Amino acid sequence: MNSFLKRVFDLSCATLALVLLAPLLLVVAIAIKLDSPGSTLFIQRRLGLHGSEFRMYKFRTMIQNAEKLGTGLFSYQDDPRVTRVGKILRHTSLDELPQILNVLKGEMSIVGPRPPVTYELGDYANFKPELKYRFTVKPGITGLAQLVGRNDLTWDQKILFDAQYIRIFQVYGVFYDLYLVVRTAWAVVSMRNVIEKPHNQQ
């Protein structure tokens, strides 16, 4: 029942968000195109439910093909690859909004563990049980680990908080998701921990 209600919650929230935010999404897309050459969306393969791969959408915040330059996957304070519009999108978390489409497609949930890049943690088949446990639910746009520490947490810490989220959700269901959505709204307003740290700073 929790899984069914979670899907209803996801579809309701994503549909409402898409309708309400459509003008903003259009403005952001135009701003990205005017600011720098390249695509409007940044599409990256991520690991989802049970280790399945999917294409996650974000607004592009860096120069085209930035992953092949500098520190690659990781971005940091004053990263020169980040565009002018990209800085604003990152500080306001608006770059995450296209993931509403992933939710509508059923690849993600509103709340859940953040999906890692496919090559970030190694081969899924070799994951330890505690790591695989976080993939027993769909990845989310926001989640407990994001709210607790976001980019200040190591992967080991994220795994612990993700497991905690799954256990609590099994008890309280979508009521816990709603609670985390409200907390996320406050976190976005306060713009906490929006810059990712390289491995040696985590």
N, C-alpha and C. Protein backbone atom coordinates (compact mmCIF):
# COMPACT_ATOMS: atom_id res chain seq x y z
N MET A 1 0.82 -1.20 0.00
CA MET A 1 0.00 0.00 0.00
C MET A 1 0.86 1.26 0.00
N ASN A 2 1.97 1.24 0.76
CA ASN A 2 2.86 2.40 0.79
C ASN A 2 3.39 2.74 -0.60
N SER A 3 3.74 1.71 -1.37
CA SER A 3 4.27 1.94 -2.72
C SER A 3 3.22 2.58 -3.63
N PHE A 4 1.97 2.11 -3.52
CA PHE A 4 0.89 2.67 -4.34
C PHE A 4 0.64 4.12 -3.97
N LEU A 5 0.55 4.41 -2.68
CA LEU A 5 0.29 5.77 -2.23
C LEU A 5 1.46 6.69 -2.57
N LYS A 6 2.67 6.15 -2.53
CA LYS A 6 3.84 6.96 -2.88
C LYS A 6 3.77 7.36 -4.35
N ARG A 7 3.34 6.43 -5.22
CA ARG A 7 3.23 6.76 -6.65
C ARG A 7 2.15 7.81 -6.88
N VAL A 8 1.04 7.68 -6.17
CA VAL A 8 -0.03 8.69 -6.27
C VAL A 8 0.49 10.04 -5.80
N PHE A 9 1.21 10.04 -4.70
CA PHE A 9 1.80 11.28 -4.16
C PHE A 9 2.77 11.89 -5.17
N ASP A 10 3.61 11.04 -5.76
CA ASP A 10 4.60 11.52 -6.74
C ASP A 10 3.92 12.15 -7.96
N LEU A 11 2.93 11.45 -8.50
CA LEU A 11 2.24 11.95 -9.69
C LEU A 11 1.50 13.24 -9.40
N SER A 12 0.88 13.32 -8.23
CA SER A 12 0.13 14.52 -7.86
C SER A 12 1.07 15.71 -7.72
N CYS A 13 2.16 15.53 -7.00
CA CYS A 13 3.12 16.61 -6.77
C CYS A 13 3.80 17.04 -8.07
N ALA A 14 4.21 16.06 -8.87
CA ALA A 14 4.92 16.37 -10.11
C ALA A 14 4.02 17.08 -11.11
N THR A 15 2.78 16.62 -11.22
CA THR A 15 1.84 17.25 -12.15
C THR A 15 1.54 18.68 -11.74
N LEU A 16 1.28 18.88 -10.45
CA LEU A 16 1.00 20.23 -9.94
C LEU A 16 2.20 21.14 -10.14
N ALA A 17 3.39 20.62 -9.84
CA ALA A 17 4.61 21.42 -10.00
C ALA A 17 4.83 21.80 -11.45
N LEU A 18 4.60 20.87 -12.36
CA LEU A 18 4.81 21.14 -13.79
C LEU A 18 3.86 22.23 -14.28
N VAL A 19 2.62 22.18 -13.84
CA VAL A 19 1.63 23.18 -14.25
C VAL A 19 1.98 24.56 -13.68
N LEU A 20 2.30 24.60 -12.39
CA LEU A 20 2.58 25.87 -11.73
C LEU A 20 3.90 26.49 -12.17
N LEU A 21 4.87 25.64 -12.46
CA LEU A 21 6.22 26.14 -12.76
C LEU A 21 6.52 26.25 -14.24
N ALA A 22 5.57 25.92 -15.09
CA ALA A 22 5.80 25.95 -16.53
C ALA A 22 6.38 27.29 -17.02
N PRO A 23 5.83 28.44 -16.61
CA PRO A 23 6.42 29.72 -17.05
C PRO A 23 7.87 29.89 -16.60
N LEU A 24 8.16 29.48 -15.37
CA LEU A 24 9.52 29.58 -14.85
C LEU A 24 10.46 28.68 -15.62
N LEU A 25 10.03 27.47 -15.92
CA LEU A 25 10.86 26.53 -16.69
C LEU A 25 11.21 27.11 -18.06
N LEU A 26 10.25 27.77 -18.67
CA LEU A 26 10.48 28.38 -19.98
C LEU A 26 11.49 29.51 -19.89
N VAL A 27 11.36 30.35 -18.87
CA VAL A 27 12.29 31.47 -18.67
C VAL A 27 13.71 30.95 -18.44
N VAL A 28 13.84 29.93 -17.61
CA VAL A 28 15.16 29.35 -17.32
C VAL A 28 15.77 28.78 -18.60
N ALA A 29 14.98 28.06 -19.37
CA ALA A 29 15.49 27.46 -20.61
C ALA A 29 16.00 28.53 -21.57
N ILE A 30 15.26 29.62 -21.70
CA ILE A 30 15.68 30.71 -22.58
C ILE A 30 16.96 31.36 -22.07
N ALA A 31 17.04 31.57 -20.76
CA ALA A 31 18.23 32.19 -20.15
C ALA A 31 19.47 31.35 -20.40
N ILE A 32 19.34 30.03 -20.30
CA ILE A 32 20.48 29.14 -20.52
C ILE A 32 20.97 29.25 -21.96
N LYS A 33 20.04 29.26 -22.91
CA LYS A 33 20.40 29.34 -24.33
C LYS A 33 21.07 30.67 -24.66
N LEU A 34 20.61 31.75 -24.04
CA LEU A 34 21.19 33.07 -24.30
C LEU A 34 22.55 33.24 -23.64
N ASP A 35 22.77 32.53 -22.55
CA ASP A 35 23.99 32.72 -21.75
C ASP A 35 25.20 32.00 -22.34
N SER A 36 25.01 30.82 -22.90
CA SER A 36 26.15 30.05 -23.41
C SER A 36 25.70 29.05 -24.45
N PRO A 37 26.56 28.70 -25.40
CA PRO A 37 26.19 27.72 -26.43
C PRO A 37 26.06 26.32 -25.82
N GLY A 38 25.15 25.55 -26.40
CA GLY A 38 24.97 24.19 -25.91
C GLY A 38 23.51 23.89 -25.66
N SER A 39 23.26 22.70 -25.15
CA SER A 39 21.89 22.25 -24.90
C SER A 39 21.32 22.91 -23.65
N THR A 40 20.02 22.95 -23.56
CA THR A 40 19.35 23.49 -22.37
C THR A 40 19.42 22.51 -21.21
N LEU A 41 19.25 21.24 -21.53
CA LEU A 41 19.26 20.21 -20.49
C LEU A 41 20.61 19.50 -20.42
N PHE A 42 20.96 19.09 -19.22
CA PHE A 42 22.11 18.23 -19.00
C PHE A 42 21.53 16.86 -18.67
N ILE A 43 21.82 15.87 -19.50
CA ILE A 43 21.27 14.53 -19.32
C ILE A 43 22.40 13.58 -18.95
N GLN A 44 22.21 12.87 -17.87
CA GLN A 44 23.28 12.00 -17.36
C GLN A 44 22.70 10.67 -16.92
N ARG A 45 23.40 9.60 -17.22
CA ARG A 45 22.94 8.27 -16.83
C ARG A 45 23.19 8.06 -15.33
N ARG A 46 22.15 7.64 -14.63
CA ARG A 46 22.22 7.43 -13.20
C ARG A 46 21.69 6.05 -12.84
N LEU A 47 21.99 5.60 -11.62
CA LEU A 47 21.49 4.32 -11.13
C LEU A 47 20.20 4.54 -10.35
N GLY A 48 19.18 3.77 -10.70
CA GLY A 48 17.89 3.90 -10.04
C GLY A 48 17.49 2.65 -9.29
N LEU A 49 16.19 2.37 -9.27
CA LEU A 49 15.63 1.26 -8.53
C LEU A 49 16.30 -0.06 -8.92
N HIS A 50 16.80 -0.78 -7.91
CA HIS A 50 17.47 -2.08 -8.10
C HIS A 50 18.64 -2.00 -9.07
N GLY A 51 19.29 -0.84 -9.13
CA GLY A 51 20.48 -0.68 -9.95
C GLY A 51 20.20 -0.47 -11.42
N SER A 52 18.94 -0.28 -11.80
CA SER A 52 18.62 -0.03 -13.21
C SER A 52 19.11 1.36 -13.62
N GLU A 53 19.56 1.48 -14.85
CA GLU A 53 20.07 2.76 -15.34
C GLU A 53 18.95 3.57 -15.99
N PHE A 54 19.00 4.89 -15.81
CA PHE A 54 18.05 5.77 -16.46
C PHE A 54 18.73 7.10 -16.76
N ARG A 55 18.11 7.89 -17.59
CA ARG A 55 18.65 9.19 -17.99
C ARG A 55 18.01 10.28 -17.13
N MET A 56 18.81 10.90 -16.25
CA MET A 56 18.29 11.93 -15.36
C MET A 56 18.48 13.31 -15.98
N TYR A 57 17.45 14.15 -15.85
CA TYR A 57 17.46 15.48 -16.45
C TYR A 57 17.77 16.57 -15.43
N LYS A 58 18.61 17.51 -15.85
CA LYS A 58 18.86 18.72 -15.07
C LYS A 58 19.01 19.87 -16.07
N PHE A 59 18.79 21.09 -15.60
CA PHE A 59 19.15 22.22 -16.44
C PHE A 59 20.67 22.30 -16.48
N ARG A 60 21.22 22.59 -17.65
CA ARG A 60 22.68 22.69 -17.77
C ARG A 60 23.17 23.94 -17.04
N THR A 61 24.14 23.76 -16.15
CA THR A 61 24.69 24.87 -15.37
C THR A 61 26.16 25.13 -15.69
N MET A 62 26.76 24.27 -16.51
CA MET A 62 28.17 24.40 -16.84
C MET A 62 28.32 24.51 -18.35
N ILE A 63 29.52 24.82 -18.79
CA ILE A 63 29.77 24.87 -20.23
C ILE A 63 29.56 23.48 -20.82
N GLN A 64 29.28 23.42 -22.11
CA GLN A 64 29.02 22.14 -22.76
C GLN A 64 30.22 21.19 -22.60
N ASN A 65 29.92 19.93 -22.29
CA ASN A 65 30.95 18.89 -22.12
C ASN A 65 31.90 19.17 -20.96
N ALA A 66 31.42 19.82 -19.92
CA ALA A 66 32.26 20.17 -18.77
C ALA A 66 32.82 18.95 -18.06
N GLU A 67 32.12 17.82 -18.14
CA GLU A 67 32.60 16.62 -17.45
C GLU A 67 33.93 16.12 -17.99
N LYS A 68 34.27 16.55 -19.20
CA LYS A 68 35.53 16.12 -19.81
C LYS A 68 36.67 17.08 -19.50
N LEU A 69 36.39 18.10 -18.70
CA LEU A 69 37.39 19.12 -18.38
C LEU A 69 37.60 19.23 -16.88
N GLY A 70 38.76 19.76 -16.49
CA GLY A 70 39.02 20.06 -15.07
C GLY A 70 38.84 18.86 -14.16
N THR A 71 38.00 19.04 -13.12
CA THR A 71 37.79 17.99 -12.12
C THR A 71 36.70 17.01 -12.54
N GLY A 72 36.28 17.08 -13.80
CA GLY A 72 35.34 16.10 -14.32
C GLY A 72 33.98 16.16 -13.68
N LEU A 73 33.59 15.06 -13.01
CA LEU A 73 32.27 14.92 -12.42
C LEU A 73 31.99 15.94 -11.33
N PHE A 74 33.04 16.35 -10.62
CA PHE A 74 32.85 17.18 -9.43
C PHE A 74 32.99 18.67 -9.73
N SER A 75 32.15 19.44 -9.05
CA SER A 75 32.21 20.89 -9.14
C SER A 75 32.52 21.44 -7.76
N TYR A 76 32.97 22.67 -7.69
CA TYR A 76 33.40 23.25 -6.43
C TYR A 76 33.17 24.76 -6.45
N GLN A 77 33.43 25.39 -5.31
CA GLN A 77 33.25 26.83 -5.21
C GLN A 77 34.09 27.56 -6.28
N ASP A 78 33.45 28.47 -7.02
CA ASP A 78 34.11 29.26 -8.05
C ASP A 78 34.66 28.42 -9.20
N ASP A 79 34.05 27.28 -9.46
CA ASP A 79 34.44 26.44 -10.60
C ASP A 79 34.26 27.26 -11.88
N PRO A 80 35.33 27.48 -12.65
CA PRO A 80 35.23 28.32 -13.85
C PRO A 80 34.36 27.73 -14.95
N ARG A 81 34.02 26.45 -14.85
CA ARG A 81 33.19 25.82 -15.86
C ARG A 81 31.71 26.17 -15.69
N VAL A 82 31.34 26.68 -14.52
CA VAL A 82 29.95 27.04 -14.25
C VAL A 82 29.62 28.35 -14.96
N THR A 83 28.52 28.38 -15.67
CA THR A 83 28.12 29.59 -16.40
C THR A 83 27.51 30.61 -15.45
N ARG A 84 27.28 31.82 -15.97
CA ARG A 84 26.67 32.86 -15.14
C ARG A 84 25.26 32.48 -14.70
N VAL A 85 24.47 32.01 -15.65
CA VAL A 85 23.13 31.55 -15.31
C VAL A 85 23.20 30.31 -14.42
N GLY A 86 24.18 29.46 -14.70
CA GLY A 86 24.35 28.24 -13.92
C GLY A 86 24.57 28.51 -12.44
N LYS A 87 25.30 29.57 -12.12
CA LYS A 87 25.53 29.92 -10.72
C LYS A 87 24.22 30.22 -10.01
N ILE A 88 23.35 30.95 -10.70
CA ILE A 88 22.05 31.28 -10.11
C ILE A 88 21.20 30.03 -9.94
N LEU A 89 21.21 29.19 -10.95
CA LEU A 89 20.42 27.96 -10.88
C LEU A 89 20.88 27.06 -9.75
N ARG A 90 22.17 26.96 -9.56
CA ARG A 90 22.70 26.11 -8.49
C ARG A 90 22.37 26.65 -7.11
N HIS A 91 22.51 27.96 -6.94
CA HIS A 91 22.26 28.55 -5.63
C HIS A 91 20.79 28.53 -5.25
N THR A 92 19.93 28.42 -6.25
CA THR A 92 18.49 28.35 -5.98
C THR A 92 17.93 26.94 -6.15
N SER A 93 18.80 26.01 -6.55
CA SER A 93 18.42 24.61 -6.82
C SER A 93 17.42 24.47 -7.97
N LEU A 94 17.28 25.50 -8.78
CA LEU A 94 16.37 25.44 -9.92
C LEU A 94 16.86 24.46 -10.99
N ASP A 95 18.15 24.16 -10.97
CA ASP A 95 18.67 23.22 -11.97
C ASP A 95 18.09 21.82 -11.82
N GLU A 96 17.51 21.51 -10.65
CA GLU A 96 16.96 20.18 -10.40
C GLU A 96 15.54 20.02 -10.93
N LEU A 97 14.88 21.11 -11.32
CA LEU A 97 13.46 21.05 -11.67
C LEU A 97 13.11 20.09 -12.81
N PRO A 98 13.96 19.93 -13.84
CA PRO A 98 13.60 18.99 -14.91
C PRO A 98 13.40 17.55 -14.44
N GLN A 99 13.86 17.22 -13.24
CA GLN A 99 13.66 15.87 -12.73
C GLN A 99 12.19 15.58 -12.45
N ILE A 100 11.36 16.62 -12.51
CA ILE A 100 9.91 16.41 -12.45
C ILE A 100 9.50 15.45 -13.57
N LEU A 101 10.15 15.57 -14.72
CA LEU A 101 9.86 14.67 -15.84
C LEU A 101 10.23 13.23 -15.51
N ASN A 102 11.36 13.04 -14.80
CA ASN A 102 11.76 11.70 -14.38
C ASN A 102 10.72 11.09 -13.44
N VAL A 103 10.13 11.94 -12.60
CA VAL A 103 9.10 11.46 -11.67
C VAL A 103 7.87 11.03 -12.45
N LEU A 104 7.44 11.85 -13.41
CA LEU A 104 6.27 11.52 -14.22
C LEU A 104 6.48 10.23 -15.00
N LYS A 105 7.73 9.98 -15.43
CA LYS A 105 8.05 8.78 -16.19
C LYS A 105 8.15 7.55 -15.29
N GLY A 106 8.16 7.75 -13.98
CA GLY A 106 8.24 6.64 -13.04
C GLY A 106 9.65 6.20 -12.72
N GLU A 107 10.64 6.97 -13.15
CA GLU A 107 12.04 6.61 -12.90
C GLU A 107 12.53 7.12 -11.55
N MET A 108 11.87 8.17 -11.04
CA MET A 108 12.26 8.77 -9.78
C MET A 108 11.01 9.05 -8.95
N SER A 109 11.23 9.35 -7.67
CA SER A 109 10.18 9.81 -6.78
C SER A 109 10.49 11.25 -6.37
N ILE A 110 9.53 11.89 -5.77
CA ILE A 110 9.79 13.22 -5.21
C ILE A 110 10.81 13.10 -4.09
N VAL A 111 10.64 12.09 -3.23
CA VAL A 111 11.54 11.88 -2.10
C VAL A 111 12.18 10.50 -2.19
N GLY A 112 13.47 10.44 -1.94
CA GLY A 112 14.19 9.17 -1.98
C GLY A 112 15.68 9.42 -2.01
N PRO A 113 16.50 8.39 -1.97
CA PRO A 113 17.95 8.56 -2.06
C PRO A 113 18.34 9.18 -3.39
N ARG A 114 19.33 10.05 -3.39
CA ARG A 114 19.77 10.66 -4.65
C ARG A 114 20.47 9.61 -5.51
N PRO A 115 20.19 9.58 -6.82
CA PRO A 115 20.78 8.57 -7.70
C PRO A 115 22.22 8.90 -8.07
N PRO A 116 23.15 7.98 -7.86
CA PRO A 116 24.54 8.24 -8.24
C PRO A 116 24.74 8.09 -9.75
N VAL A 117 25.79 8.72 -10.25
CA VAL A 117 26.20 8.51 -11.63
C VAL A 117 26.58 7.04 -11.79
N THR A 118 26.34 6.46 -12.93
CA THR A 118 26.51 5.02 -13.12
C THR A 118 27.92 4.53 -12.78
N TYR A 119 28.93 5.35 -13.02
CA TYR A 119 30.31 4.91 -12.78
C TYR A 119 30.87 5.43 -11.46
N GLU A 120 30.04 6.08 -10.66
CA GLU A 120 30.54 6.73 -9.44
C GLU A 120 30.91 5.75 -8.33
N LEU A 121 30.15 4.66 -8.19
CA LEU A 121 30.34 3.75 -7.07
C LEU A 121 30.83 2.36 -7.49
N GLY A 122 31.10 2.18 -8.78
CA GLY A 122 31.55 0.89 -9.25
C GLY A 122 30.40 0.05 -9.80
N ASP A 123 30.63 -1.24 -9.91
CA ASP A 123 29.67 -2.18 -10.49
C ASP A 123 28.59 -2.53 -9.46
N TYR A 124 27.33 -2.32 -9.83
CA TYR A 124 26.21 -2.58 -8.90
C TYR A 124 26.23 -4.02 -8.39
N ALA A 125 26.62 -4.95 -9.22
CA ALA A 125 26.64 -6.35 -8.82
C ALA A 125 27.59 -6.61 -7.66
N ASN A 126 28.56 -5.74 -7.49
CA ASN A 126 29.55 -5.92 -6.42
C ASN A 126 29.26 -5.06 -5.18
N PHE A 127 28.13 -4.35 -5.18
CA PHE A 127 27.79 -3.52 -4.03
C PHE A 127 27.56 -4.39 -2.79
N LYS A 128 27.95 -3.87 -1.63
CA LYS A 128 27.67 -4.54 -0.37
C LYS A 128 26.17 -4.42 -0.06
N PRO A 129 25.63 -5.32 0.76
CA PRO A 129 24.19 -5.32 1.06
C PRO A 129 23.68 -3.97 1.57
N GLU A 130 24.46 -3.30 2.43
CA GLU A 130 24.00 -2.03 2.97
C GLU A 130 23.91 -0.95 1.91
N LEU A 131 24.75 -1.06 0.86
CA LEU A 131 24.67 -0.10 -0.24
C LEU A 131 23.51 -0.45 -1.16
N LYS A 132 23.32 -1.74 -1.43
CA LYS A 132 22.21 -2.16 -2.29
C LYS A 132 20.86 -1.81 -1.67
N TYR A 133 20.80 -1.76 -0.34
CA TYR A 133 19.54 -1.49 0.34
C TYR A 133 18.94 -0.15 -0.07
N ARG A 134 19.80 0.85 -0.32
CA ARG A 134 19.30 2.18 -0.70
C ARG A 134 18.68 2.17 -2.09
N PHE A 135 18.92 1.10 -2.86
CA PHE A 135 18.35 0.99 -4.20
C PHE A 135 17.07 0.15 -4.22
N THR A 136 16.53 -0.15 -3.04
CA THR A 136 15.27 -0.89 -2.98
C THR A 136 14.07 0.04 -3.10
N VAL A 137 14.33 1.35 -3.17
CA VAL A 137 13.29 2.33 -3.46
C VAL A 137 13.77 3.20 -4.62
N LYS A 138 12.84 3.89 -5.27
CA LYS A 138 13.23 4.77 -6.36
C LYS A 138 14.04 5.94 -5.83
N PRO A 139 14.99 6.43 -6.61
CA PRO A 139 15.74 7.62 -6.20
C PRO A 139 14.81 8.84 -6.19
N GLY A 140 15.21 9.86 -5.44
CA GLY A 140 14.35 11.03 -5.30
C GLY A 140 15.01 12.33 -5.71
N ILE A 141 14.17 13.33 -5.95
CA ILE A 141 14.67 14.68 -6.20
C ILE A 141 15.27 15.24 -4.93
N THR A 142 14.64 14.92 -3.81
CA THR A 142 15.16 15.31 -2.51
C THR A 142 15.13 14.08 -1.60
N GLY A 143 15.80 14.16 -0.46
CA GLY A 143 15.83 13.03 0.45
C GLY A 143 16.39 13.42 1.80
N LEU A 144 16.34 12.49 2.73
CA LEU A 144 16.81 12.76 4.08
C LEU A 144 18.28 13.14 4.10
N ALA A 145 19.11 12.41 3.37
CA ALA A 145 20.55 12.71 3.36
C ALA A 145 20.80 14.11 2.80
N GLN A 146 20.04 14.51 1.78
CA GLN A 146 20.17 15.84 1.20
C GLN A 146 19.87 16.92 2.24
N LEU A 147 18.87 16.66 3.04
CA LEU A 147 18.45 17.66 4.02
C LEU A 147 19.40 17.73 5.21
N VAL A 148 19.95 16.58 5.59
CA VAL A 148 20.84 16.55 6.74
C VAL A 148 22.18 17.19 6.44
N GLY A 149 22.73 16.88 5.25
CA GLY A 149 24.07 17.39 4.99
C GLY A 149 24.39 17.64 3.54
N ARG A 150 23.57 17.09 2.66
CA ARG A 150 23.76 17.23 1.21
C ARG A 150 25.22 16.98 0.83
N ASN A 151 25.94 17.98 0.34
CA ASN A 151 27.31 17.79 -0.16
C ASN A 151 28.36 17.76 0.94
N ASP A 152 27.95 17.95 2.20
CA ASP A 152 28.91 17.84 3.30
C ASP A 152 29.09 16.40 3.76
N LEU A 153 28.25 15.49 3.28
CA LEU A 153 28.30 14.10 3.72
C LEU A 153 29.18 13.25 2.81
N THR A 154 29.87 12.28 3.40
CA THR A 154 30.59 11.28 2.62
C THR A 154 29.57 10.26 2.13
N TRP A 155 29.98 9.38 1.21
CA TRP A 155 29.06 8.36 0.72
C TRP A 155 28.63 7.42 1.83
N ASP A 156 29.54 7.09 2.74
CA ASP A 156 29.18 6.21 3.86
C ASP A 156 28.08 6.83 4.71
N GLN A 157 28.18 8.13 4.93
CA GLN A 157 27.15 8.82 5.72
C GLN A 157 25.83 8.88 4.97
N LYS A 158 25.90 9.13 3.65
CA LYS A 158 24.68 9.18 2.85
C LYS A 158 23.96 7.83 2.89
N ILE A 159 24.72 6.75 2.82
CA ILE A 159 24.13 5.41 2.85
C ILE A 159 23.36 5.19 4.14
N LEU A 160 23.93 5.64 5.26
CA LEU A 160 23.26 5.49 6.56
C LEU A 160 21.95 6.27 6.61
N PHE A 161 21.97 7.51 6.14
CA PHE A 161 20.75 8.32 6.17
C PHE A 161 19.71 7.80 5.18
N ASP A 162 20.17 7.29 4.04
CA ASP A 162 19.23 6.73 3.07
C ASP A 162 18.53 5.50 3.65
N ALA A 163 19.29 4.67 4.35
CA ALA A 163 18.70 3.49 4.99
C ALA A 163 17.70 3.91 6.07
N GLN A 164 18.04 4.97 6.79
CA GLN A 164 17.15 5.49 7.82
C GLN A 164 15.84 5.98 7.19
N TYR A 165 15.96 6.67 6.05
CA TYR A 165 14.76 7.14 5.35
C TYR A 165 13.85 5.97 4.98
N ILE A 166 14.43 4.91 4.41
CA ILE A 166 13.63 3.77 3.96
C ILE A 166 12.90 3.14 5.14
N ARG A 167 13.58 2.99 6.27
CA ARG A 167 12.96 2.38 7.45
C ARG A 167 11.81 3.24 7.98
N ILE A 168 12.03 4.55 8.03
CA ILE A 168 10.98 5.44 8.54
C ILE A 168 9.80 5.48 7.58
N PHE A 169 10.09 5.49 6.26
CA PHE A 169 9.01 5.51 5.27
C PHE A 169 8.14 4.28 5.40
N GLN A 170 8.74 3.14 5.70
CA GLN A 170 7.97 1.91 5.83
C GLN A 170 6.96 2.00 6.97
N VAL A 171 7.21 2.89 7.92
CA VAL A 171 6.30 3.07 9.06
C VAL A 171 5.27 4.16 8.78
N TYR A 172 5.74 5.31 8.29
CA TYR A 172 4.87 6.48 8.16
C TYR A 172 4.40 6.77 6.73
N GLY A 173 4.99 6.11 5.74
CA GLY A 173 4.55 6.27 4.37
C GLY A 173 4.68 7.69 3.84
N VAL A 174 3.69 8.10 3.05
CA VAL A 174 3.76 9.40 2.36
C VAL A 174 3.72 10.58 3.33
N PHE A 175 3.27 10.35 4.56
CA PHE A 175 3.28 11.44 5.54
C PHE A 175 4.72 11.88 5.82
N TYR A 176 5.63 10.91 5.81
CA TYR A 176 7.04 11.25 6.01
C TYR A 176 7.59 11.97 4.78
N ASP A 177 7.17 11.53 3.59
CA ASP A 177 7.58 12.22 2.37
C ASP A 177 7.11 13.68 2.39
N LEU A 178 5.87 13.89 2.80
CA LEU A 178 5.33 15.25 2.86
C LEU A 178 6.14 16.11 3.83
N TYR A 179 6.50 15.53 4.96
CA TYR A 179 7.33 16.23 5.95
C TYR A 179 8.67 16.64 5.34
N LEU A 180 9.29 15.73 4.58
CA LEU A 180 10.59 16.03 3.97
C LEU A 180 10.46 17.05 2.83
N VAL A 181 9.34 17.04 2.15
CA VAL A 181 9.11 18.04 1.10
C VAL A 181 9.03 19.44 1.72
N VAL A 182 8.35 19.55 2.84
CA VAL A 182 8.26 20.85 3.53
C VAL A 182 9.64 21.30 3.99
N ARG A 183 10.42 20.38 4.52
CA ARG A 183 11.78 20.72 4.95
C ARG A 183 12.64 21.12 3.75
N THR A 184 12.42 20.47 2.62
CA THR A 184 13.18 20.80 1.42
C THR A 184 12.88 22.22 0.97
N ALA A 185 11.61 22.60 1.03
CA ALA A 185 11.23 23.96 0.63
C ALA A 185 12.00 24.99 1.45
N TRP A 186 12.14 24.74 2.73
CA TRP A 186 12.89 25.67 3.59
C TRP A 186 14.39 25.64 3.24
N ALA A 187 14.91 24.46 2.97
CA ALA A 187 16.33 24.33 2.62
C ALA A 187 16.65 25.08 1.33
N VAL A 188 15.72 25.01 0.36
CA VAL A 188 15.92 25.70 -0.90
C VAL A 188 15.94 27.21 -0.68
N VAL A 189 15.03 27.69 0.15
CA VAL A 189 14.97 29.13 0.45
C VAL A 189 16.25 29.59 1.14
N SER A 190 16.79 28.77 2.03
CA SER A 190 18.00 29.15 2.76
C SER A 190 19.27 28.86 1.97
N MET A 191 19.15 28.10 0.85
CA MET A 191 20.27 27.81 -0.05
C MET A 191 21.46 27.18 0.67
N ARG A 192 21.17 26.15 1.47
CA ARG A 192 22.22 25.50 2.24
C ARG A 192 22.93 24.42 1.42
N ASN A 193 24.28 24.37 1.56
CA ASN A 193 25.11 23.27 1.02
C ASN A 193 24.87 23.01 -0.46
N VAL A 194 24.85 24.06 -1.26
CA VAL A 194 24.55 23.88 -2.67
C VAL A 194 25.78 23.56 -3.51
N ILE A 195 26.99 23.77 -2.98
CA ILE A 195 28.21 23.52 -3.74
C ILE A 195 28.81 22.19 -3.36
N GLU A 196 29.05 21.36 -4.35
CA GLU A 196 29.62 20.03 -4.10
C GLU A 196 31.12 20.14 -3.89
N LYS A 197 31.63 19.26 -3.03
CA LYS A 197 33.05 19.24 -2.71
C LYS A 197 33.73 18.07 -3.41
N PRO A 198 34.98 18.26 -3.88
CA PRO A 198 35.73 17.15 -4.44
C PRO A 198 35.97 16.09 -3.36
N HIS A 199 36.35 14.86 -3.78
CA HIS A 199 36.54 13.77 -2.82
C HIS A 199 37.47 14.15 -1.68
N ASN A 200 38.55 14.86 -1.99
CA ASN A 200 39.53 15.12 -0.94
C ASN A 200 39.07 16.19 0.04
N GLN A 201 37.88 16.78 -0.21
CA GLN A 201 37.35 17.74 0.73
C GLN A 201 36.14 17.20 1.47
N GLN A 202 35.73 15.97 1.15
CA GLN A 202 34.54 15.43 1.77
C GLN A 202 34.89 14.70 3.07
